Amino acid sequence: MKLIQWMDSNARKMKWYDISLVKLTVFFTTLFLVTAFPVFRDFALGISWQIYLVIAIVLMLPLLKKMFF
């Protein structure tokens, strides 16, 4: 439980650009893994694009709920 409280307190300290930096860090780390390690590339390219679309929609639903409802 203390981990969640620690994450909440640190998230409140973040500015809008910090969230963007986290997104960019994840993006470029993913690109690094895909280009540096063939296992990650084969895994990422071996999955159908529809699976990625379903995952994106499922992960987007809580955000849309918070933004519009």
N, C-alpha and C. Protein backbone atom coordinates (compact mmCIF):
# COMPACT_ATOMS: atom_id res chain seq x y z
N MET A 1 0.81 -1.19 0.00
CA MET A 1 0.00 0.00 0.00
C MET A 1 0.86 1.26 0.00
N LYS A 2 2.01 1.20 0.62
CA LYS A 2 2.87 2.37 0.68
C LYS A 2 3.40 2.74 -0.71
N LEU A 3 3.57 1.75 -1.57
CA LEU A 3 4.04 2.03 -2.93
C LEU A 3 3.02 2.88 -3.67
N ILE A 4 1.75 2.55 -3.56
CA ILE A 4 0.71 3.32 -4.23
C ILE A 4 0.66 4.75 -3.69
N GLN A 5 0.75 4.90 -2.40
CA GLN A 5 0.75 6.25 -1.80
C GLN A 5 1.96 7.04 -2.26
N TRP A 6 3.11 6.39 -2.34
CA TRP A 6 4.33 7.06 -2.81
C TRP A 6 4.17 7.51 -4.26
N MET A 7 3.59 6.65 -5.10
CA MET A 7 3.38 7.00 -6.50
C MET A 7 2.38 8.15 -6.63
N ASP A 8 1.33 8.14 -5.85
CA ASP A 8 0.35 9.22 -5.88
C ASP A 8 0.97 10.55 -5.46
N SER A 9 1.76 10.53 -4.41
CA SER A 9 2.37 11.79 -3.95
C SER A 9 3.37 12.32 -4.98
N ASN A 10 4.09 11.44 -5.64
CA ASN A 10 5.03 11.90 -6.66
C ASN A 10 4.33 12.34 -7.93
N ALA A 11 3.23 11.71 -8.27
CA ALA A 11 2.49 12.10 -9.47
C ALA A 11 1.90 13.50 -9.32
N ARG A 12 1.53 13.86 -8.12
CA ARG A 12 0.99 15.21 -7.89
C ARG A 12 2.04 16.29 -8.04
N LYS A 13 3.30 15.94 -7.87
CA LYS A 13 4.39 16.90 -8.02
C LYS A 13 4.73 17.16 -9.48
N MET A 14 4.26 16.32 -10.37
CA MET A 14 4.62 16.42 -11.78
C MET A 14 3.89 17.56 -12.47
N LYS A 15 4.57 18.15 -13.41
CA LYS A 15 3.97 19.18 -14.28
C LYS A 15 3.50 18.49 -15.56
N TRP A 16 2.85 19.24 -16.44
CA TRP A 16 2.33 18.67 -17.67
C TRP A 16 3.45 18.13 -18.55
N TYR A 17 4.58 18.78 -18.57
CA TYR A 17 5.67 18.33 -19.43
C TYR A 17 6.36 17.09 -18.88
N ASP A 18 6.25 16.84 -17.59
CA ASP A 18 6.83 15.62 -17.02
C ASP A 18 6.10 14.38 -17.55
N ILE A 19 4.79 14.48 -17.68
CA ILE A 19 4.01 13.36 -18.22
C ILE A 19 4.43 13.10 -19.67
N SER A 20 4.64 14.17 -20.44
CA SER A 20 5.09 14.01 -21.82
C SER A 20 6.47 13.39 -21.87
N LEU A 21 7.34 13.76 -20.94
CA LEU A 21 8.67 13.16 -20.91
C LEU A 21 8.61 11.68 -20.57
N VAL A 22 7.70 11.28 -19.71
CA VAL A 22 7.52 9.86 -19.40
C VAL A 22 7.07 9.12 -20.65
N LYS A 23 6.13 9.68 -21.39
CA LYS A 23 5.65 9.05 -22.62
C LYS A 23 6.78 8.89 -23.62
N LEU A 24 7.56 9.94 -23.81
CA LEU A 24 8.67 9.89 -24.75
C LEU A 24 9.73 8.87 -24.31
N THR A 25 9.97 8.79 -23.02
CA THR A 25 10.93 7.81 -22.51
C THR A 25 10.48 6.39 -22.81
N VAL A 26 9.22 6.11 -22.59
CA VAL A 26 8.68 4.78 -22.89
C VAL A 26 8.76 4.49 -24.38
N PHE A 27 8.42 5.48 -25.20
CA PHE A 27 8.45 5.32 -26.66
C PHE A 27 9.86 4.97 -27.13
N PHE A 28 10.85 5.77 -26.71
CA PHE A 28 12.21 5.55 -27.18
C PHE A 28 12.85 4.30 -26.57
N THR A 29 12.46 3.93 -25.37
CA THR A 29 12.93 2.68 -24.79
C THR A 29 12.40 1.50 -25.58
N THR A 30 11.14 1.59 -25.99
CA THR A 30 10.56 0.54 -26.82
C THR A 30 11.29 0.44 -28.16
N LEU A 31 11.56 1.58 -28.78
CA LEU A 31 12.31 1.56 -30.04
C LEU A 31 13.69 0.95 -29.84
N PHE A 32 14.34 1.27 -28.74
CA PHE A 32 15.65 0.69 -28.45
C PHE A 32 15.56 -0.82 -28.34
N LEU A 33 14.59 -1.32 -27.57
CA LEU A 33 14.45 -2.76 -27.40
C LEU A 33 14.17 -3.46 -28.72
N VAL A 34 13.34 -2.84 -29.54
CA VAL A 34 12.99 -3.47 -30.82
C VAL A 34 14.19 -3.50 -31.77
N THR A 35 15.01 -2.46 -31.77
CA THR A 35 16.13 -2.43 -32.69
C THR A 35 17.36 -3.17 -32.14
N ALA A 36 17.56 -3.20 -30.85
CA ALA A 36 18.76 -3.80 -30.29
C ALA A 36 18.64 -5.31 -30.09
N PHE A 37 17.44 -5.79 -29.84
CA PHE A 37 17.27 -7.21 -29.54
C PHE A 37 16.29 -7.84 -30.52
N PRO A 38 16.77 -8.75 -31.35
CA PRO A 38 15.88 -9.38 -32.35
C PRO A 38 14.68 -10.10 -31.75
N VAL A 39 14.81 -10.59 -30.52
CA VAL A 39 13.69 -11.29 -29.88
C VAL A 39 12.50 -10.35 -29.70
N PHE A 40 12.78 -9.13 -29.25
CA PHE A 40 11.69 -8.14 -29.08
C PHE A 40 11.09 -7.75 -30.42
N ARG A 41 11.94 -7.60 -31.44
CA ARG A 41 11.44 -7.25 -32.78
C ARG A 41 10.53 -8.35 -33.31
N ASP A 42 10.98 -9.59 -33.21
CA ASP A 42 10.16 -10.71 -33.69
C ASP A 42 8.84 -10.81 -32.93
N PHE A 43 8.90 -10.55 -31.62
CA PHE A 43 7.67 -10.59 -30.82
C PHE A 43 6.71 -9.48 -31.24
N ALA A 44 7.23 -8.25 -31.38
CA ALA A 44 6.37 -7.11 -31.72
C ALA A 44 5.79 -7.23 -33.12
N LEU A 45 6.58 -7.70 -34.05
CA LEU A 45 6.10 -7.81 -35.43
C LEU A 45 5.29 -9.08 -35.67
N GLY A 46 5.39 -10.03 -34.76
CA GLY A 46 4.65 -11.27 -34.91
C GLY A 46 3.21 -11.20 -34.44
N ILE A 47 2.86 -10.13 -33.75
CA ILE A 47 1.50 -9.98 -33.25
C ILE A 47 0.68 -9.19 -34.27
N SER A 48 -0.52 -9.61 -34.49
CA SER A 48 -1.41 -8.94 -35.43
C SER A 48 -1.73 -7.52 -34.98
N TRP A 49 -1.92 -6.63 -35.95
CA TRP A 49 -2.20 -5.23 -35.62
C TRP A 49 -3.53 -5.08 -34.90
N GLN A 50 -4.46 -6.00 -35.11
CA GLN A 50 -5.75 -5.91 -34.44
C GLN A 50 -5.60 -6.08 -32.93
N ILE A 51 -4.65 -6.89 -32.50
CA ILE A 51 -4.41 -7.08 -31.07
C ILE A 51 -3.93 -5.77 -30.45
N TYR A 52 -3.03 -5.08 -31.14
CA TYR A 52 -2.55 -3.79 -30.65
C TYR A 52 -3.69 -2.78 -30.57
N LEU A 53 -4.58 -2.80 -31.55
CA LEU A 53 -5.73 -1.89 -31.55
C LEU A 53 -6.65 -2.18 -30.37
N VAL A 54 -6.92 -3.44 -30.09
CA VAL A 54 -7.78 -3.80 -28.96
C VAL A 54 -7.14 -3.38 -27.65
N ILE A 55 -5.84 -3.61 -27.50
CA ILE A 55 -5.14 -3.20 -26.27
C ILE A 55 -5.20 -1.69 -26.10
N ALA A 56 -4.99 -0.94 -27.19
CA ALA A 56 -5.03 0.52 -27.11
C ALA A 56 -6.42 1.01 -26.69
N ILE A 57 -7.46 0.41 -27.24
CA ILE A 57 -8.82 0.84 -26.90
C ILE A 57 -9.13 0.51 -25.44
N VAL A 58 -8.74 -0.67 -24.99
CA VAL A 58 -8.99 -1.05 -23.60
C VAL A 58 -8.26 -0.11 -22.64
N LEU A 59 -7.02 0.24 -22.97
CA LEU A 59 -6.26 1.15 -22.11
C LEU A 59 -6.76 2.59 -22.19
N MET A 60 -7.42 2.94 -23.29
CA MET A 60 -7.92 4.29 -23.47
C MET A 60 -9.24 4.52 -22.74
N LEU A 61 -10.02 3.49 -22.51
CA LEU A 61 -11.35 3.64 -21.92
C LEU A 61 -11.35 4.34 -20.55
N PRO A 62 -10.49 3.97 -19.60
CA PRO A 62 -10.51 4.70 -18.32
C PRO A 62 -10.17 6.18 -18.47
N LEU A 63 -9.27 6.50 -19.39
CA LEU A 63 -8.92 7.91 -19.62
C LEU A 63 -10.10 8.68 -20.20
N LEU A 64 -10.78 8.09 -21.17
CA LEU A 64 -11.94 8.75 -21.75
C LEU A 64 -13.04 8.93 -20.70
N LYS A 65 -13.20 7.94 -19.84
CA LYS A 65 -14.21 8.02 -18.79
C LYS A 65 -13.91 9.20 -17.86
N LYS A 66 -12.64 9.35 -17.47
CA LYS A 66 -12.26 10.46 -16.60
C LYS A 66 -12.40 11.81 -17.29
N MET A 67 -12.13 11.85 -18.58
CA MET A 67 -12.17 13.13 -19.29
C MET A 67 -13.59 13.60 -19.59
N PHE A 68 -14.49 12.70 -19.93
CA PHE A 68 -15.79 13.10 -20.43
C PHE A 68 -16.98 12.71 -19.57
N PHE A 69 -16.80 11.86 -18.57
CA PHE A 69 -17.95 11.43 -17.78
C PHE A 69 -17.74 11.66 -16.32
